[in-house]
């Protein structure tokens, strides 16, 4: 099923949008997230990609959910305009089982708190593995919004400013962080968050020919 709000042709990124730190996610990285969610929560049916950009991650997520809802605070295509951090809960355009996104790194903590409050069943955030670091963040991850698992990529998931280029390399390490809401998942949970292996070969296994429609659409001159 095609994600709601996803344009058939991806809108070009322009220089004004570069200021919002757009780092599009390769669709295969979104499919990894979809697999992880369905393993942890087989009853998940809907997902809200709340910082969707041009829709690469949502294109991958659609393989795992009955419906994928799209929003962003910048207009890239046919998606709902919603500032996930600043707009109030009563203006949220969607209610979904899971909220799944690659949030702006400077606002990761806000996205986690709000997503955990707004999601019905769980939250999945694709962020730098360095998200584990920091004294203030420790209180969020192990107290206020205790995460369930972290899944680092064994092979690099390249995220590049302003575009997705399938041939691009990256030195940064990224991981999926996952939160389960109370009552979701196994009755007996491990006492500590655990690590899920994303084995080498995920890129080759989860890349589809349709992904190329999103490739290397760069900022307009």
N, C-alpha and C. Protein backbone atom coordinates (compact mmCIF):
# COMPACT_ATOMS: atom_id res chain seq x y z
N UNK A 1 0.84 -1.19 0.00
CA UNK A 1 0.00 0.00 0.00
C UNK A 1 0.87 1.24 0.00
N UNK A 2 0.60 2.17 -0.87
CA UNK A 2 1.39 3.39 -0.96
C UNK A 2 1.13 4.27 0.26
N UNK A 3 2.20 4.84 0.86
CA UNK A 3 2.00 5.69 2.03
C UNK A 3 1.10 6.86 1.72
N UNK A 4 0.21 7.18 2.64
CA UNK A 4 -0.65 8.34 2.47
C UNK A 4 0.19 9.60 2.46
N UNK A 5 -0.06 10.46 1.46
CA UNK A 5 0.63 11.72 1.39
C UNK A 5 1.94 11.66 0.62
N UNK A 6 2.37 10.48 0.14
CA UNK A 6 3.63 10.37 -0.56
C UNK A 6 3.43 10.68 -2.03
N UNK A 7 4.13 11.69 -2.51
CA UNK A 7 4.00 12.08 -3.91
C UNK A 7 4.66 11.04 -4.79
N UNK A 8 4.08 10.82 -5.98
CA UNK A 8 4.65 9.86 -6.91
C UNK A 8 6.02 10.32 -7.39
N UNK A 9 6.21 11.63 -7.52
CA UNK A 9 7.48 12.20 -7.93
C UNK A 9 8.01 13.05 -6.80
N UNK A 10 9.20 12.75 -6.33
CA UNK A 10 9.74 13.45 -5.18
C UNK A 10 10.02 14.90 -5.52
N UNK A 11 9.61 15.81 -4.64
CA UNK A 11 9.89 17.21 -4.83
C UNK A 11 11.38 17.47 -4.66
N UNK A 12 11.92 18.41 -5.45
CA UNK A 12 13.32 18.76 -5.32
C UNK A 12 13.54 19.54 -4.04
N UNK A 13 14.70 19.30 -3.44
CA UNK A 13 15.10 20.06 -2.27
C UNK A 13 15.70 21.37 -2.76
N UNK A 14 15.36 22.47 -2.10
CA UNK A 14 15.93 23.75 -2.50
C UNK A 14 16.84 24.29 -1.42
N UNK A 15 17.65 25.33 -1.72
CA UNK A 15 18.61 25.82 -0.73
C UNK A 15 17.99 26.26 0.57
N UNK A 16 16.77 26.80 0.54
CA UNK A 16 16.13 27.24 1.77
C UNK A 16 15.89 26.06 2.71
N UNK A 17 15.64 24.90 2.13
CA UNK A 17 15.37 23.73 2.96
C UNK A 17 16.64 23.14 3.55
N UNK A 18 17.80 23.46 2.96
CA UNK A 18 19.04 22.94 3.53
C UNK A 18 19.20 23.36 4.98
N UNK A 19 18.62 24.52 5.34
CA UNK A 19 18.77 25.03 6.70
C UNK A 19 18.09 24.15 7.73
N UNK A 20 17.19 23.25 7.30
CA UNK A 20 16.49 22.40 8.26
C UNK A 20 17.23 21.08 8.48
N UNK A 21 18.46 20.97 7.96
CA UNK A 21 19.28 19.78 8.17
C UNK A 21 18.61 18.51 7.67
N UNK A 22 18.25 18.53 6.41
CA UNK A 22 17.63 17.37 5.78
C UNK A 22 18.70 16.33 5.47
N UNK A 23 18.59 15.17 6.09
CA UNK A 23 19.47 14.02 5.82
C UNK A 23 18.57 12.84 5.47
N UNK A 24 18.16 12.71 4.21
CA UNK A 24 17.21 11.65 3.84
C UNK A 24 17.76 10.25 4.12
N UNK A 25 16.84 9.37 4.49
CA UNK A 25 17.18 7.99 4.84
C UNK A 25 17.01 7.08 3.64
N UNK A 26 18.01 6.30 3.33
CA UNK A 26 17.88 5.31 2.27
C UNK A 26 16.69 4.40 2.55
N UNK A 27 15.86 4.11 1.55
CA UNK A 27 14.69 3.26 1.79
C UNK A 27 15.02 1.93 2.46
N UNK A 28 16.17 1.35 2.14
CA UNK A 28 16.51 0.07 2.78
C UNK A 28 16.71 0.24 4.29
N UNK A 29 17.17 1.42 4.71
CA UNK A 29 17.27 1.68 6.14
C UNK A 29 15.91 1.74 6.80
N UNK A 30 14.90 2.27 6.08
CA UNK A 30 13.54 2.27 6.59
C UNK A 30 12.99 0.86 6.69
N UNK A 31 13.32 0.00 5.72
CA UNK A 31 12.84 -1.39 5.77
C UNK A 31 13.45 -2.14 6.95
N UNK A 32 14.69 -1.83 7.28
CA UNK A 32 15.28 -2.43 8.48
C UNK A 32 14.45 -2.06 9.70
N UNK A 33 14.07 -0.78 9.80
CA UNK A 33 13.22 -0.36 10.91
C UNK A 33 11.89 -1.07 10.92
N UNK A 34 11.28 -1.24 9.75
CA UNK A 34 10.01 -1.96 9.66
C UNK A 34 10.13 -3.39 10.13
N UNK A 35 11.21 -4.06 9.75
CA UNK A 35 11.43 -5.44 10.19
C UNK A 35 11.56 -5.51 11.72
N UNK A 36 12.33 -4.60 12.27
CA UNK A 36 12.53 -4.60 13.72
C UNK A 36 11.22 -4.41 14.45
N UNK A 37 10.41 -3.47 13.99
CA UNK A 37 9.13 -3.18 14.64
C UNK A 37 8.21 -4.39 14.58
N UNK A 38 8.11 -5.02 13.42
CA UNK A 38 7.19 -6.15 13.29
C UNK A 38 7.64 -7.36 14.12
N UNK A 39 8.95 -7.50 14.32
CA UNK A 39 9.43 -8.59 15.18
C UNK A 39 9.09 -8.32 16.64
N UNK A 40 9.22 -7.06 17.07
CA UNK A 40 8.92 -6.72 18.45
C UNK A 40 7.43 -6.60 18.71
N UNK A 41 6.68 -6.18 17.69
CA UNK A 41 5.25 -5.92 17.86
C UNK A 41 4.50 -6.40 16.62
N UNK A 42 4.22 -7.68 16.50
CA UNK A 42 3.53 -8.19 15.31
C UNK A 42 2.15 -7.59 15.09
N UNK A 43 1.57 -7.00 16.11
CA UNK A 43 0.23 -6.42 15.98
C UNK A 43 0.27 -4.99 15.43
N UNK A 44 1.43 -4.43 15.20
CA UNK A 44 1.53 -3.08 14.66
C UNK A 44 0.92 -3.02 13.26
N UNK A 45 0.07 -2.04 13.02
CA UNK A 45 -0.61 -1.92 11.74
C UNK A 45 -0.39 -0.57 11.06
N UNK A 46 -0.14 0.49 11.83
CA UNK A 46 0.01 1.81 11.24
C UNK A 46 1.27 2.48 11.77
N UNK A 47 1.86 3.33 10.93
CA UNK A 47 3.05 4.08 11.32
C UNK A 47 2.90 5.53 10.86
N UNK A 48 3.45 6.42 11.65
CA UNK A 48 3.47 7.85 11.32
C UNK A 48 4.93 8.26 11.20
N UNK A 49 5.33 8.65 9.99
CA UNK A 49 6.66 9.20 9.75
C UNK A 49 6.52 10.71 9.89
N UNK A 50 6.98 11.26 11.02
CA UNK A 50 6.64 12.63 11.41
C UNK A 50 7.68 13.66 11.01
N UNK A 51 8.78 13.23 10.38
CA UNK A 51 9.75 14.15 9.80
C UNK A 51 10.15 13.57 8.45
N UNK A 52 9.15 13.46 7.57
CA UNK A 52 9.24 12.58 6.41
C UNK A 52 10.15 13.07 5.30
N UNK A 53 10.44 14.39 5.25
CA UNK A 53 11.21 14.89 4.12
C UNK A 53 10.56 14.48 2.82
N UNK A 54 11.36 14.14 1.81
CA UNK A 54 10.78 13.74 0.52
C UNK A 54 10.18 12.35 0.50
N UNK A 55 10.29 11.58 1.59
CA UNK A 55 9.54 10.32 1.68
C UNK A 55 10.33 9.05 1.49
N UNK A 56 11.67 9.11 1.57
CA UNK A 56 12.45 7.89 1.33
C UNK A 56 12.18 6.83 2.38
N UNK A 57 12.23 7.21 3.66
CA UNK A 57 12.00 6.23 4.71
C UNK A 57 10.59 5.65 4.61
N UNK A 58 9.62 6.50 4.37
CA UNK A 58 8.24 6.04 4.26
C UNK A 58 8.07 5.04 3.13
N UNK A 59 8.82 5.24 2.04
CA UNK A 59 8.76 4.30 0.92
C UNK A 59 9.18 2.91 1.37
N UNK A 60 10.18 2.84 2.27
CA UNK A 60 10.59 1.55 2.80
C UNK A 60 9.63 0.99 3.82
N UNK A 61 9.07 1.86 4.66
CA UNK A 61 8.16 1.40 5.71
C UNK A 61 6.86 0.81 5.17
N UNK A 62 6.45 1.24 4.00
CA UNK A 62 5.15 0.80 3.49
C UNK A 62 5.09 -0.72 3.29
N UNK A 63 6.22 -1.39 3.24
CA UNK A 63 6.22 -2.85 3.09
C UNK A 63 5.80 -3.57 4.37
N UNK A 64 5.68 -2.84 5.48
CA UNK A 64 5.48 -3.49 6.78
C UNK A 64 4.22 -3.03 7.52
N UNK A 65 3.49 -2.07 6.96
CA UNK A 65 2.32 -1.53 7.65
C UNK A 65 1.15 -1.41 6.69
N UNK A 66 -0.05 -1.50 7.24
CA UNK A 66 -1.25 -1.30 6.44
C UNK A 66 -1.35 0.13 5.94
N UNK A 67 -0.87 1.07 6.74
CA UNK A 67 -0.90 2.48 6.35
C UNK A 67 0.30 3.18 6.96
N UNK A 68 0.91 4.07 6.19
CA UNK A 68 2.00 4.91 6.67
C UNK A 68 1.59 6.36 6.43
N UNK A 69 1.54 7.14 7.49
CA UNK A 69 1.14 8.54 7.43
C UNK A 69 2.38 9.43 7.42
N UNK A 70 2.33 10.50 6.65
CA UNK A 70 3.49 11.37 6.47
C UNK A 70 3.19 12.79 6.91
N UNK A 71 4.15 13.39 7.62
CA UNK A 71 4.06 14.81 7.94
C UNK A 71 5.47 15.37 8.07
N UNK A 72 5.58 16.68 7.91
CA UNK A 72 6.83 17.40 8.12
C UNK A 72 6.46 18.87 8.28
N UNK A 73 7.36 19.66 8.84
CA UNK A 73 7.04 21.07 8.99
C UNK A 73 7.46 21.88 7.76
N UNK A 74 8.15 21.21 6.80
CA UNK A 74 8.52 21.81 5.52
C UNK A 74 7.78 21.05 4.42
N UNK A 75 7.36 21.77 3.38
CA UNK A 75 6.63 21.13 2.29
C UNK A 75 7.60 20.52 1.29
N UNK A 76 7.58 19.21 1.16
CA UNK A 76 8.39 18.51 0.18
C UNK A 76 7.54 17.84 -0.90
N UNK A 77 6.32 17.46 -0.56
CA UNK A 77 5.45 16.75 -1.49
C UNK A 77 4.05 16.77 -0.94
N UNK A 78 3.29 15.74 -1.23
CA UNK A 78 1.91 15.68 -0.76
C UNK A 78 1.87 14.99 0.61
N UNK A 79 2.22 15.75 1.62
CA UNK A 79 2.12 15.26 2.99
C UNK A 79 1.55 16.38 3.86
N UNK A 80 1.17 16.04 5.07
CA UNK A 80 0.59 17.01 5.98
C UNK A 80 1.69 17.89 6.58
N UNK A 81 1.40 19.17 6.71
CA UNK A 81 2.31 20.09 7.36
C UNK A 81 2.02 20.08 8.85
N UNK A 82 3.03 19.70 9.64
CA UNK A 82 2.89 19.65 11.09
C UNK A 82 4.27 19.74 11.70
N UNK A 83 4.46 20.71 12.58
CA UNK A 83 5.71 20.84 13.30
C UNK A 83 5.63 19.96 14.53
N UNK A 84 6.31 18.83 14.47
CA UNK A 84 6.15 17.81 15.51
C UNK A 84 6.58 18.31 16.88
N UNK A 85 7.52 19.22 16.93
CA UNK A 85 8.03 19.71 18.20
C UNK A 85 7.21 20.87 18.73
N UNK A 86 6.77 21.78 17.87
CA UNK A 86 6.15 23.02 18.33
C UNK A 86 4.62 23.00 18.30
N UNK A 87 4.02 22.22 17.41
CA UNK A 87 2.56 22.22 17.33
C UNK A 87 1.96 21.36 18.45
N UNK A 88 0.83 21.78 19.00
CA UNK A 88 0.26 21.06 20.15
C UNK A 88 -0.35 19.72 19.77
N UNK A 89 -0.53 18.89 20.79
CA UNK A 89 -1.07 17.54 20.58
C UNK A 89 -2.43 17.56 19.89
N UNK A 90 -3.27 18.52 20.26
CA UNK A 90 -4.63 18.51 19.70
C UNK A 90 -4.67 18.91 18.23
N UNK A 91 -3.52 19.32 17.66
CA UNK A 91 -3.45 19.61 16.23
C UNK A 91 -2.75 18.50 15.46
N UNK A 92 -2.35 17.45 16.14
CA UNK A 92 -1.67 16.35 15.46
C UNK A 92 -2.57 15.76 14.38
N UNK A 93 -2.07 15.61 13.16
CA UNK A 93 -2.93 15.16 12.06
C UNK A 93 -3.22 13.67 12.06
N UNK A 94 -2.43 12.89 12.81
CA UNK A 94 -2.59 11.45 12.78
C UNK A 94 -2.46 10.85 14.18
N UNK A 95 -3.06 9.68 14.33
CA UNK A 95 -2.81 8.82 15.48
C UNK A 95 -2.41 7.47 14.90
N UNK A 96 -1.28 6.95 15.34
CA UNK A 96 -0.76 5.71 14.75
C UNK A 96 -0.24 4.78 15.84
N UNK A 97 -0.14 3.50 15.48
CA UNK A 97 0.43 2.53 16.41
C UNK A 97 1.87 2.90 16.75
N UNK A 98 2.65 3.20 15.72
CA UNK A 98 4.06 3.51 15.89
C UNK A 98 4.39 4.86 15.27
N UNK A 99 5.25 5.59 15.91
CA UNK A 99 5.84 6.79 15.33
C UNK A 99 7.28 6.45 15.00
N UNK A 100 7.65 6.65 13.74
CA UNK A 100 8.93 6.19 13.21
C UNK A 100 9.55 7.33 12.40
N UNK A 101 10.79 7.70 12.71
CA UNK A 101 11.40 8.77 11.94
C UNK A 101 12.90 8.82 12.16
N UNK A 102 13.54 9.62 11.32
CA UNK A 102 14.94 10.02 11.48
C UNK A 102 14.89 11.50 11.87
N UNK A 103 14.92 11.80 13.16
CA UNK A 103 14.68 13.18 13.60
C UNK A 103 15.91 14.06 13.44
N UNK A 104 15.71 15.38 13.35
CA UNK A 104 16.86 16.28 13.39
C UNK A 104 17.64 16.05 14.68
N UNK A 105 18.96 15.87 14.56
CA UNK A 105 19.73 15.46 15.72
C UNK A 105 19.65 16.46 16.87
N UNK A 106 19.56 17.75 16.53
CA UNK A 106 19.49 18.78 17.58
C UNK A 106 18.20 18.71 18.39
N UNK A 107 17.20 18.00 17.86
CA UNK A 107 15.90 17.92 18.54
C UNK A 107 15.53 16.48 18.89
N UNK A 108 16.49 15.59 18.92
CA UNK A 108 16.19 14.18 19.15
C UNK A 108 15.43 13.96 20.45
N UNK A 109 15.87 14.60 21.51
CA UNK A 109 15.23 14.38 22.81
C UNK A 109 13.76 14.79 22.77
N UNK A 110 13.47 15.94 22.15
CA UNK A 110 12.09 16.40 22.05
C UNK A 110 11.25 15.43 21.23
N UNK A 111 11.81 14.93 20.14
CA UNK A 111 11.07 13.97 19.31
C UNK A 111 10.76 12.71 20.10
N UNK A 112 11.72 12.23 20.88
CA UNK A 112 11.49 11.01 21.65
C UNK A 112 10.36 11.22 22.65
N UNK A 113 10.43 12.31 23.42
CA UNK A 113 9.40 12.56 24.44
C UNK A 113 8.01 12.68 23.82
N UNK A 114 7.91 13.45 22.75
CA UNK A 114 6.60 13.68 22.14
C UNK A 114 6.09 12.43 21.43
N UNK A 115 6.98 11.72 20.76
CA UNK A 115 6.56 10.49 20.07
C UNK A 115 6.08 9.45 21.07
N UNK A 116 6.79 9.33 22.19
CA UNK A 116 6.38 8.36 23.20
C UNK A 116 5.01 8.70 23.76
N UNK A 117 4.71 9.97 23.88
CA UNK A 117 3.40 10.39 24.38
C UNK A 117 2.30 10.18 23.33
N UNK A 118 2.62 10.39 22.06
CA UNK A 118 1.60 10.39 21.02
C UNK A 118 1.37 9.02 20.38
N UNK A 119 2.35 8.14 20.41
CA UNK A 119 2.19 6.84 19.77
C UNK A 119 1.32 5.92 20.61
N UNK A 120 0.61 5.02 19.94
CA UNK A 120 -0.23 4.06 20.66
C UNK A 120 0.55 2.86 21.15
N UNK A 121 1.54 2.40 20.38
CA UNK A 121 2.18 1.13 20.72
C UNK A 121 3.71 1.24 20.83
N UNK A 122 4.33 2.13 20.09
CA UNK A 122 5.78 2.18 20.17
C UNK A 122 6.39 3.30 19.36
N UNK A 123 7.69 3.46 19.55
CA UNK A 123 8.45 4.52 18.89
C UNK A 123 9.74 3.91 18.36
N UNK A 124 10.12 4.31 17.15
CA UNK A 124 11.40 3.91 16.57
C UNK A 124 12.08 5.14 16.00
N UNK A 125 13.30 5.41 16.47
CA UNK A 125 14.06 6.57 16.04
C UNK A 125 15.37 6.11 15.43
N UNK A 126 15.66 6.59 14.23
CA UNK A 126 16.94 6.33 13.58
C UNK A 126 17.86 7.51 13.88
N UNK A 127 18.86 7.29 14.70
CA UNK A 127 19.75 8.37 15.12
C UNK A 127 21.19 7.85 15.16
N UNK A 128 22.11 8.78 15.34
CA UNK A 128 23.50 8.38 15.50
C UNK A 128 23.66 7.51 16.75
N UNK A 129 24.56 6.57 16.64
CA UNK A 129 24.82 5.70 17.79
C UNK A 129 25.30 6.51 18.99
N UNK A 130 25.84 7.69 18.73
CA UNK A 130 26.29 8.58 19.80
C UNK A 130 25.14 9.08 20.66
N UNK A 131 23.92 8.81 20.26
CA UNK A 131 22.76 9.18 21.08
C UNK A 131 22.82 8.51 22.45
N UNK A 132 23.58 7.44 22.56
CA UNK A 132 23.75 6.77 23.84
C UNK A 132 24.56 7.60 24.84
N UNK A 133 25.32 8.56 24.32
CA UNK A 133 26.22 9.33 25.17
C UNK A 133 25.52 10.53 25.80
N UNK A 134 26.08 11.01 26.88
CA UNK A 134 25.60 12.24 27.50
C UNK A 134 24.90 12.02 28.83
N UNK A 135 25.26 12.84 29.82
CA UNK A 135 24.68 12.68 31.15
C UNK A 135 23.20 13.04 31.17
N UNK A 136 22.83 14.14 30.50
CA UNK A 136 21.42 14.54 30.48
C UNK A 136 20.58 13.54 29.70
N UNK A 137 21.13 13.02 28.60
CA UNK A 137 20.39 12.06 27.79
C UNK A 137 20.20 10.74 28.54
N UNK A 138 21.11 10.44 29.44
CA UNK A 138 20.99 9.21 30.23
C UNK A 138 19.68 9.21 31.01
N UNK A 139 19.29 10.35 31.56
CA UNK A 139 18.04 10.44 32.31
C UNK A 139 16.84 10.18 31.42
N UNK A 140 16.93 10.58 30.16
CA UNK A 140 15.84 10.32 29.21
C UNK A 140 15.76 8.85 28.85
N UNK A 141 16.90 8.26 28.50
CA UNK A 141 16.92 6.90 27.97
C UNK A 141 16.69 5.84 29.03
N UNK A 142 17.08 6.13 30.26
CA UNK A 142 16.99 5.11 31.30
C UNK A 142 15.99 5.46 32.40
N UNK A 143 15.32 6.60 32.23
CA UNK A 143 14.35 7.01 33.23
C UNK A 143 13.05 7.47 32.62
N UNK A 144 13.05 8.68 32.11
CA UNK A 144 11.81 9.31 31.61
C UNK A 144 11.18 8.51 30.48
N UNK A 145 11.97 8.12 29.50
CA UNK A 145 11.48 7.31 28.37
C UNK A 145 12.47 6.16 28.18
N UNK A 146 12.33 5.16 28.99
CA UNK A 146 13.28 4.05 28.96
C UNK A 146 13.15 3.28 27.65
N UNK A 147 14.26 3.19 26.93
CA UNK A 147 14.20 2.52 25.63
C UNK A 147 14.28 1.00 25.81
N UNK A 148 13.74 0.29 24.82
CA UNK A 148 13.66 -1.17 24.90
C UNK A 148 14.88 -1.85 24.27
N UNK A 149 15.33 -1.31 23.13
CA UNK A 149 16.43 -1.95 22.43
C UNK A 149 17.11 -0.94 21.52
N UNK A 150 18.36 -1.23 21.19
CA UNK A 150 19.10 -0.46 20.20
C UNK A 150 19.62 -1.45 19.16
N UNK A 151 19.55 -1.03 17.88
CA UNK A 151 19.95 -1.91 16.79
C UNK A 151 20.93 -1.16 15.89
N UNK A 152 22.22 -1.31 16.12
CA UNK A 152 23.21 -0.65 15.27
C UNK A 152 23.41 -1.39 13.95
N UNK A 153 23.74 -0.62 12.92
CA UNK A 153 24.00 -1.20 11.61
C UNK A 153 25.42 -1.74 11.57
N UNK A 154 25.58 -2.97 11.14
CA UNK A 154 26.92 -3.52 10.95
C UNK A 154 27.60 -2.91 9.74
N UNK A 155 26.81 -2.66 8.68
CA UNK A 155 27.32 -1.94 7.51
C UNK A 155 26.83 -0.50 7.60
N UNK A 156 27.60 0.43 7.09
CA UNK A 156 27.25 1.83 7.24
C UNK A 156 25.98 2.19 6.47
N UNK A 157 25.13 2.97 7.11
CA UNK A 157 23.96 3.56 6.48
C UNK A 157 24.31 5.01 6.18
N UNK A 158 24.62 5.36 4.93
CA UNK A 158 25.06 6.72 4.65
C UNK A 158 23.89 7.71 4.63
N UNK A 159 24.04 8.78 5.40
CA UNK A 159 23.09 9.88 5.40
C UNK A 159 23.83 11.14 4.99
N UNK A 160 23.36 11.77 3.92
CA UNK A 160 24.05 12.90 3.31
C UNK A 160 23.13 14.10 3.31
N UNK A 161 23.69 15.27 3.57
CA UNK A 161 22.92 16.49 3.60
C UNK A 161 22.24 16.76 2.25
N UNK A 162 20.91 16.85 2.28
CA UNK A 162 20.17 17.34 1.12
C UNK A 162 19.77 16.32 0.08
N UNK A 163 20.29 15.07 0.16
CA UNK A 163 19.93 14.11 -0.88
C UNK A 163 20.23 12.70 -0.38
N UNK A 164 19.72 11.71 -1.13
CA UNK A 164 20.13 10.33 -0.91
C UNK A 164 20.85 9.86 -2.16
N UNK A 165 22.09 9.47 -2.00
CA UNK A 165 22.91 8.95 -3.09
C UNK A 165 23.27 7.51 -2.75
N UNK A 166 22.78 6.52 -3.52
CA UNK A 166 23.04 5.12 -3.21
C UNK A 166 24.52 4.76 -3.17
N UNK A 167 25.36 5.56 -3.85
CA UNK A 167 26.78 5.25 -3.92
C UNK A 167 27.60 6.00 -2.87
N UNK A 168 26.94 6.81 -2.07
CA UNK A 168 27.64 7.61 -1.08
C UNK A 168 28.12 6.74 0.08
N UNK A 169 29.28 7.06 0.62
CA UNK A 169 29.80 6.39 1.81
C UNK A 169 29.69 7.33 3.00
N UNK A 170 29.76 6.77 4.19
CA UNK A 170 29.63 7.57 5.40
C UNK A 170 30.49 6.97 6.50
N UNK A 171 31.10 7.85 7.31
CA UNK A 171 31.90 7.39 8.44
C UNK A 171 31.08 7.35 9.72
N UNK A 172 29.89 7.96 9.71
CA UNK A 172 29.07 8.03 10.92
C UNK A 172 28.35 6.70 11.15
N UNK A 173 28.20 6.36 12.42
CA UNK A 173 27.49 5.14 12.80
C UNK A 173 26.07 5.48 13.23
N UNK A 174 25.08 4.78 12.68
CA UNK A 174 23.68 5.01 13.00
C UNK A 174 23.06 3.73 13.57
N UNK A 175 21.97 3.92 14.28
CA UNK A 175 21.28 2.78 14.89
C UNK A 175 19.80 3.11 15.03
N UNK A 176 18.99 2.08 15.06
CA UNK A 176 17.58 2.22 15.41
C UNK A 176 17.44 2.07 16.93
N UNK A 177 16.78 3.04 17.56
CA UNK A 177 16.40 2.95 18.96
C UNK A 177 14.90 2.69 19.01
N UNK A 178 14.48 1.76 19.86
CA UNK A 178 13.08 1.35 19.89
C UNK A 178 12.53 1.39 21.31
N UNK A 179 11.32 1.93 21.42
CA UNK A 179 10.58 2.01 22.67
C UNK A 179 9.26 1.27 22.53
N UNK A 180 8.90 0.45 23.48
CA UNK A 180 7.59 -0.20 23.52
C UNK A 180 6.75 0.44 24.61
N UNK A 181 5.52 0.77 24.29
CA UNK A 181 4.62 1.33 25.29
C UNK A 181 4.20 0.22 26.27
N UNK A 182 3.76 0.60 27.47
CA UNK A 182 3.30 -0.41 28.45
C UNK A 182 2.22 -1.31 27.85
N UNK A 183 2.34 -2.61 28.08
CA UNK A 183 1.37 -3.57 27.57
C UNK A 183 1.69 -4.10 26.19
N UNK A 184 2.73 -3.56 25.55
CA UNK A 184 3.12 -4.01 24.21
C UNK A 184 4.36 -4.88 24.33
N UNK A 185 4.39 -5.98 23.59
CA UNK A 185 5.55 -6.84 23.61
C UNK A 185 5.46 -7.92 24.67
N UNK A 186 6.57 -8.55 24.98
CA UNK A 186 6.56 -9.67 25.92
C UNK A 186 6.15 -9.23 27.32
N UNK A 187 5.46 -10.13 28.01
CA UNK A 187 5.02 -9.81 29.37
C UNK A 187 6.20 -9.60 30.31
N UNK A 188 7.20 -10.44 30.14
CA UNK A 188 8.41 -10.31 30.95
C UNK A 188 9.49 -9.65 30.11
N UNK A 189 9.88 -8.46 30.49
CA UNK A 189 10.87 -7.73 29.73
C UNK A 189 12.23 -7.85 30.40
N UNK A 190 13.30 -7.78 29.60
CA UNK A 190 14.64 -7.83 30.19
C UNK A 190 14.85 -6.63 31.11
N UNK A 191 15.66 -6.79 32.14
CA UNK A 191 15.86 -5.70 33.08
C UNK A 191 16.60 -4.51 32.49
N UNK A 192 17.30 -4.73 31.38
CA UNK A 192 18.06 -3.66 30.75
C UNK A 192 17.78 -3.65 29.25
N UNK A 193 17.92 -2.51 28.60
CA UNK A 193 17.81 -2.49 27.14
C UNK A 193 18.84 -3.44 26.53
N UNK A 194 18.49 -3.99 25.38
CA UNK A 194 19.40 -4.94 24.76
C UNK A 194 19.72 -4.55 23.34
N UNK A 195 20.72 -5.20 22.78
CA UNK A 195 21.22 -4.88 21.44
C UNK A 195 20.68 -5.91 20.44
N UNK A 196 20.14 -5.41 19.33
CA UNK A 196 19.68 -6.27 18.24
C UNK A 196 20.66 -6.11 17.08
N UNK A 197 21.15 -7.20 16.57
CA UNK A 197 22.12 -7.18 15.48
C UNK A 197 21.44 -6.90 14.15
N UNK A 198 21.93 -5.89 13.42
CA UNK A 198 21.56 -5.70 12.02
C UNK A 198 22.73 -6.22 11.21
N UNK A 199 22.63 -7.43 10.75
CA UNK A 199 23.76 -8.15 10.16
C UNK A 199 24.15 -7.55 8.81
N UNK A 200 25.41 -7.73 8.42
CA UNK A 200 25.83 -7.31 7.08
C UNK A 200 24.96 -7.97 6.01
N UNK A 201 24.76 -7.25 4.93
CA UNK A 201 23.92 -7.75 3.84
C UNK A 201 22.53 -7.16 3.82
N UNK A 202 22.18 -6.34 4.83
CA UNK A 202 20.84 -5.76 4.86
C UNK A 202 20.59 -4.85 3.66
N UNK A 203 21.60 -4.10 3.24
CA UNK A 203 21.42 -3.20 2.09
C UNK A 203 21.05 -3.99 0.84
N UNK A 204 21.81 -5.03 0.53
CA UNK A 204 21.53 -5.82 -0.67
C UNK A 204 20.18 -6.54 -0.57
N UNK A 205 19.87 -7.03 0.61
CA UNK A 205 18.63 -7.80 0.79
C UNK A 205 17.39 -6.93 0.72
N UNK A 206 17.50 -5.67 1.16
CA UNK A 206 16.32 -4.83 1.32
C UNK A 206 16.24 -3.67 0.33
N UNK A 207 17.14 -3.60 -0.61
CA UNK A 207 17.05 -2.57 -1.66
C UNK A 207 16.14 -3.05 -2.77
N UNK A 208 15.26 -2.16 -3.25
CA UNK A 208 14.30 -2.48 -4.30
C UNK A 208 14.56 -1.57 -5.52
N UNK A 209 14.24 -2.03 -6.73
CA UNK A 209 14.40 -1.17 -7.92
C UNK A 209 13.62 0.14 -7.81
N UNK A 210 12.47 0.11 -7.15
CA UNK A 210 11.66 1.33 -7.04
C UNK A 210 12.34 2.41 -6.21
N UNK A 211 13.36 2.04 -5.43
CA UNK A 211 14.04 3.03 -4.60
C UNK A 211 14.78 4.08 -5.43
N UNK A 212 15.15 3.72 -6.64
CA UNK A 212 15.97 4.62 -7.45
C UNK A 212 15.25 5.90 -7.83
N UNK A 213 13.92 5.93 -7.72
CA UNK A 213 13.20 7.17 -7.99
C UNK A 213 13.60 8.28 -7.04
N UNK A 214 14.17 7.92 -5.88
CA UNK A 214 14.55 8.90 -4.89
C UNK A 214 16.03 9.26 -4.93
N UNK A 215 16.80 8.67 -5.83
CA UNK A 215 18.24 8.78 -5.76
C UNK A 215 18.76 10.12 -6.25
N UNK A 216 19.68 10.69 -5.47
CA UNK A 216 20.48 11.84 -5.86
C UNK A 216 19.65 12.99 -6.39
N UNK A 217 18.55 13.30 -5.74
CA UNK A 217 17.78 14.51 -6.04
C UNK A 217 18.35 15.61 -5.14
N UNK A 218 19.15 16.46 -5.70
CA UNK A 218 19.93 17.39 -4.92
C UNK A 218 19.28 18.76 -4.88
N UNK A 219 19.86 19.63 -4.06
CA UNK A 219 19.35 20.99 -3.93
C UNK A 219 19.41 21.71 -5.27
N UNK A 220 18.35 22.43 -5.57
CA UNK A 220 18.30 23.19 -6.82
C UNK A 220 19.32 24.33 -6.77
N UNK A 221 19.86 24.65 -7.94
CA UNK A 221 20.87 25.72 -8.00
C UNK A 221 20.21 27.08 -7.76
